[in-house]
N, C-alpha and C. Protein backbone atom coordinates (compact mmCIF):
# COMPACT_ATOMS: atom_id res chain seq x y z
N UNK A 1 -18.37 2.29 2.04
CA UNK A 1 -17.44 2.46 0.94
C UNK A 1 -18.17 2.16 -0.37
N UNK A 2 -18.02 3.03 -1.31
CA UNK A 2 -18.66 2.87 -2.61
C UNK A 2 -18.02 1.71 -3.38
N UNK A 3 -18.79 1.17 -4.31
CA UNK A 3 -18.30 0.05 -5.11
C UNK A 3 -17.00 0.42 -5.84
N UNK A 4 -16.94 1.64 -6.40
CA UNK A 4 -15.74 2.05 -7.13
C UNK A 4 -14.53 2.10 -6.19
N UNK A 5 -14.77 2.56 -4.96
CA UNK A 5 -13.67 2.64 -3.99
C UNK A 5 -13.15 1.25 -3.64
N UNK A 6 -14.07 0.32 -3.42
CA UNK A 6 -13.66 -1.05 -3.09
C UNK A 6 -12.93 -1.70 -4.26
N UNK A 7 -13.41 -1.45 -5.48
CA UNK A 7 -12.74 -2.01 -6.66
C UNK A 7 -11.33 -1.43 -6.80
N UNK A 8 -11.19 -0.15 -6.56
CA UNK A 8 -9.86 0.48 -6.63
C UNK A 8 -8.94 -0.09 -5.56
N UNK A 9 -9.44 -0.21 -4.34
CA UNK A 9 -8.64 -0.79 -3.26
C UNK A 9 -8.22 -2.21 -3.61
N UNK A 10 -9.11 -2.98 -4.21
CA UNK A 10 -8.78 -4.36 -4.59
C UNK A 10 -7.70 -4.40 -5.66
N UNK A 11 -7.76 -3.49 -6.62
CA UNK A 11 -6.72 -3.45 -7.67
C UNK A 11 -5.35 -3.09 -7.05
N UNK A 12 -5.35 -2.16 -6.10
CA UNK A 12 -4.09 -1.79 -5.43
C UNK A 12 -3.58 -2.96 -4.61
N UNK A 13 -4.46 -3.62 -3.84
CA UNK A 13 -4.06 -4.79 -3.04
C UNK A 13 -3.44 -5.86 -3.92
N UNK A 14 -4.08 -6.12 -5.04
CA UNK A 14 -3.59 -7.14 -5.96
C UNK A 14 -2.19 -6.78 -6.49
N UNK A 15 -2.01 -5.53 -6.88
CA UNK A 15 -0.71 -5.10 -7.41
C UNK A 15 0.38 -5.23 -6.35
N UNK A 16 0.05 -4.88 -5.11
CA UNK A 16 1.04 -4.98 -4.04
C UNK A 16 1.39 -6.44 -3.76
N UNK A 17 0.39 -7.31 -3.69
CA UNK A 17 0.68 -8.71 -3.40
C UNK A 17 1.43 -9.39 -4.54
N UNK A 18 1.24 -8.92 -5.76
CA UNK A 18 1.93 -9.52 -6.90
C UNK A 18 3.38 -9.06 -7.03
N UNK A 19 3.73 -7.96 -6.39
CA UNK A 19 5.10 -7.45 -6.46
C UNK A 19 5.98 -8.25 -5.50
N UNK A 20 6.95 -8.98 -6.03
CA UNK A 20 7.79 -9.86 -5.22
C UNK A 20 8.59 -9.12 -4.15
N UNK A 21 8.84 -7.84 -4.36
CA UNK A 21 9.64 -7.07 -3.39
C UNK A 21 8.84 -6.66 -2.17
N UNK A 22 7.51 -6.61 -2.26
CA UNK A 22 6.70 -6.19 -1.12
C UNK A 22 5.49 -7.08 -0.86
N UNK A 23 5.30 -8.10 -1.67
CA UNK A 23 4.11 -8.93 -1.59
C UNK A 23 3.88 -9.64 -0.28
N UNK A 24 4.92 -9.92 0.46
CA UNK A 24 4.76 -10.63 1.72
C UNK A 24 4.50 -9.73 2.91
N UNK A 25 4.43 -8.43 2.70
CA UNK A 25 4.26 -7.48 3.79
C UNK A 25 2.77 -7.32 4.12
N UNK A 26 2.45 -7.16 5.42
CA UNK A 26 1.04 -6.97 5.81
C UNK A 26 0.60 -5.52 5.59
N UNK A 27 0.11 -5.23 4.38
CA UNK A 27 -0.29 -3.87 4.04
C UNK A 27 -1.80 -3.86 3.77
N UNK A 28 -2.50 -3.03 4.52
CA UNK A 28 -3.94 -2.86 4.30
C UNK A 28 -4.15 -1.65 3.39
N UNK A 29 -5.18 -1.73 2.56
CA UNK A 29 -5.45 -0.69 1.57
C UNK A 29 -6.87 -0.18 1.75
N UNK A 30 -7.00 1.14 1.81
CA UNK A 30 -8.32 1.79 1.82
C UNK A 30 -8.35 2.79 0.68
N UNK A 31 -9.52 2.95 0.07
CA UNK A 31 -9.65 3.91 -1.03
C UNK A 31 -10.95 4.69 -0.89
N UNK A 32 -10.88 5.97 -1.23
CA UNK A 32 -12.07 6.83 -1.24
C UNK A 32 -11.85 7.93 -2.26
N UNK A 33 -12.67 7.94 -3.29
CA UNK A 33 -12.60 8.99 -4.32
C UNK A 33 -11.21 9.14 -4.94
N UNK A 34 -10.55 8.04 -5.19
CA UNK A 34 -9.22 8.07 -5.81
C UNK A 34 -8.08 8.30 -4.83
N UNK A 35 -8.42 8.52 -3.57
CA UNK A 35 -7.40 8.70 -2.52
C UNK A 35 -7.16 7.34 -1.87
N UNK A 36 -5.93 6.85 -1.92
CA UNK A 36 -5.60 5.54 -1.37
C UNK A 36 -4.73 5.72 -0.13
N UNK A 37 -5.08 4.99 0.92
CA UNK A 37 -4.29 4.99 2.16
C UNK A 37 -3.73 3.60 2.37
N UNK A 38 -2.43 3.54 2.65
CA UNK A 38 -1.78 2.27 2.94
C UNK A 38 -1.45 2.24 4.43
N UNK A 39 -1.73 1.12 5.07
CA UNK A 39 -1.51 0.99 6.51
C UNK A 39 -0.88 -0.37 6.78
N UNK A 40 0.08 -0.40 7.67
CA UNK A 40 0.72 -1.65 8.04
C UNK A 40 2.18 -1.44 8.38
N UNK A 41 2.95 -2.52 8.25
CA UNK A 41 4.37 -2.46 8.57
C UNK A 41 5.17 -3.11 7.46
N UNK A 42 6.29 -2.50 7.14
CA UNK A 42 7.22 -3.05 6.15
C UNK A 42 8.60 -3.12 6.77
N UNK A 43 9.48 -3.87 6.15
CA UNK A 43 10.81 -4.07 6.70
C UNK A 43 11.75 -2.89 6.49
N UNK A 44 11.61 -2.20 5.37
CA UNK A 44 12.55 -1.14 5.04
C UNK A 44 11.83 0.10 4.50
N UNK A 45 12.52 1.21 4.53
CA UNK A 45 11.95 2.44 3.95
C UNK A 45 11.82 2.31 2.44
N UNK A 46 12.68 1.50 1.82
CA UNK A 46 12.57 1.27 0.39
C UNK A 46 11.26 0.56 0.05
N UNK A 47 10.87 -0.42 0.89
CA UNK A 47 9.60 -1.11 0.66
C UNK A 47 8.43 -0.16 0.85
N UNK A 48 8.55 0.76 1.77
CA UNK A 48 7.50 1.75 2.01
C UNK A 48 7.30 2.61 0.76
N UNK A 49 8.38 3.10 0.21
CA UNK A 49 8.29 3.93 -1.00
C UNK A 49 7.83 3.11 -2.20
N UNK A 50 8.28 1.86 -2.27
CA UNK A 50 7.86 1.00 -3.38
C UNK A 50 6.36 0.73 -3.33
N UNK A 51 5.82 0.51 -2.14
CA UNK A 51 4.38 0.30 -2.01
C UNK A 51 3.63 1.53 -2.51
N UNK A 52 4.13 2.70 -2.21
CA UNK A 52 3.52 3.94 -2.68
C UNK A 52 3.58 4.02 -4.21
N UNK A 53 4.73 3.71 -4.78
CA UNK A 53 4.89 3.76 -6.23
C UNK A 53 3.98 2.76 -6.94
N UNK A 54 3.88 1.56 -6.38
CA UNK A 54 3.01 0.54 -6.98
C UNK A 54 1.57 1.03 -6.96
N UNK A 55 1.13 1.58 -5.83
CA UNK A 55 -0.24 2.08 -5.72
C UNK A 55 -0.48 3.24 -6.69
N UNK A 56 0.49 4.12 -6.83
CA UNK A 56 0.34 5.26 -7.73
C UNK A 56 0.22 4.83 -9.19
N UNK A 57 0.73 3.66 -9.51
CA UNK A 57 0.69 3.16 -10.88
C UNK A 57 -0.65 2.57 -11.29
N UNK A 58 -1.58 2.49 -10.38
CA UNK A 58 -2.89 1.91 -10.68
C UNK A 58 -3.81 2.99 -11.25
N UNK A 59 -4.42 2.74 -12.40
CA UNK A 59 -5.35 3.72 -12.97
C UNK A 59 -6.48 4.04 -11.99
N UNK A 60 -6.76 5.32 -11.84
CA UNK A 60 -7.81 5.77 -10.93
C UNK A 60 -7.29 6.30 -9.62
N UNK A 61 -6.02 6.01 -9.31
CA UNK A 61 -5.42 6.50 -8.07
C UNK A 61 -4.95 7.93 -8.30
N UNK A 62 -5.47 8.85 -7.47
CA UNK A 62 -5.07 10.26 -7.59
C UNK A 62 -4.02 10.64 -6.56
N UNK A 63 -4.07 10.00 -5.39
CA UNK A 63 -3.13 10.33 -4.32
C UNK A 63 -2.94 9.09 -3.45
N UNK A 64 -1.73 8.91 -2.92
CA UNK A 64 -1.45 7.78 -2.03
C UNK A 64 -0.88 8.33 -0.73
N UNK A 65 -1.52 7.99 0.39
CA UNK A 65 -1.03 8.37 1.72
C UNK A 65 -0.35 7.16 2.35
N UNK A 66 0.86 7.38 2.85
CA UNK A 66 1.59 6.28 3.50
C UNK A 66 1.94 6.64 4.95
N UNK A 67 1.21 7.60 5.52
CA UNK A 67 1.47 8.02 6.90
C UNK A 67 1.35 6.87 7.89
N UNK A 68 0.45 5.93 7.61
CA UNK A 68 0.22 4.81 8.53
C UNK A 68 0.97 3.55 8.11
N UNK A 69 1.87 3.68 7.17
CA UNK A 69 2.71 2.55 6.73
C UNK A 69 4.07 2.75 7.38
N UNK A 70 4.33 1.98 8.41
CA UNK A 70 5.54 2.19 9.21
C UNK A 70 6.63 1.18 8.87
N UNK A 71 7.85 1.61 9.11
CA UNK A 71 9.03 0.76 8.89
C UNK A 71 9.41 0.14 10.22
N UNK A 72 9.58 -1.17 10.21
CA UNK A 72 10.01 -1.88 11.42
C UNK A 72 11.47 -1.50 11.67
N UNK A 73 11.72 -1.02 12.86
CA UNK A 73 13.11 -0.68 13.21
C UNK A 73 13.91 -1.97 13.37
N UNK A 74 15.19 -1.88 13.08
CA UNK A 74 16.07 -3.07 13.16
C UNK A 74 15.97 -3.73 14.53
N UNK A 75 15.88 -2.95 15.62
CA UNK A 75 15.85 -3.54 16.95
C UNK A 75 14.48 -4.16 17.28
N UNK A 76 13.47 -3.93 16.43
CA UNK A 76 12.16 -4.56 16.62
C UNK A 76 12.10 -5.93 15.96
N UNK A 77 13.01 -6.21 15.05
CA UNK A 77 12.98 -7.50 14.34
C UNK A 77 13.41 -8.63 15.26
N UNK A 78 12.78 -9.76 15.05
CA UNK A 78 13.10 -10.93 15.88
C UNK A 78 14.16 -11.75 15.20
């Protein structure tokens, strides 16, 4: 991973963790050439979309993929 990609991923990670609505969710961030991929699990579909919006708001992000960011089904919650 290029230095610019890692720096972009770090900025996205920071923005996600600072957002009180999604900061506690286990979301991994990868970046390559302005393309950001989010992977992990969130509690609701709203949190999934919010994570995408937060990532899109970071300068340098051209596209955000959330295919690997899944919503925990209600029956999966403990």
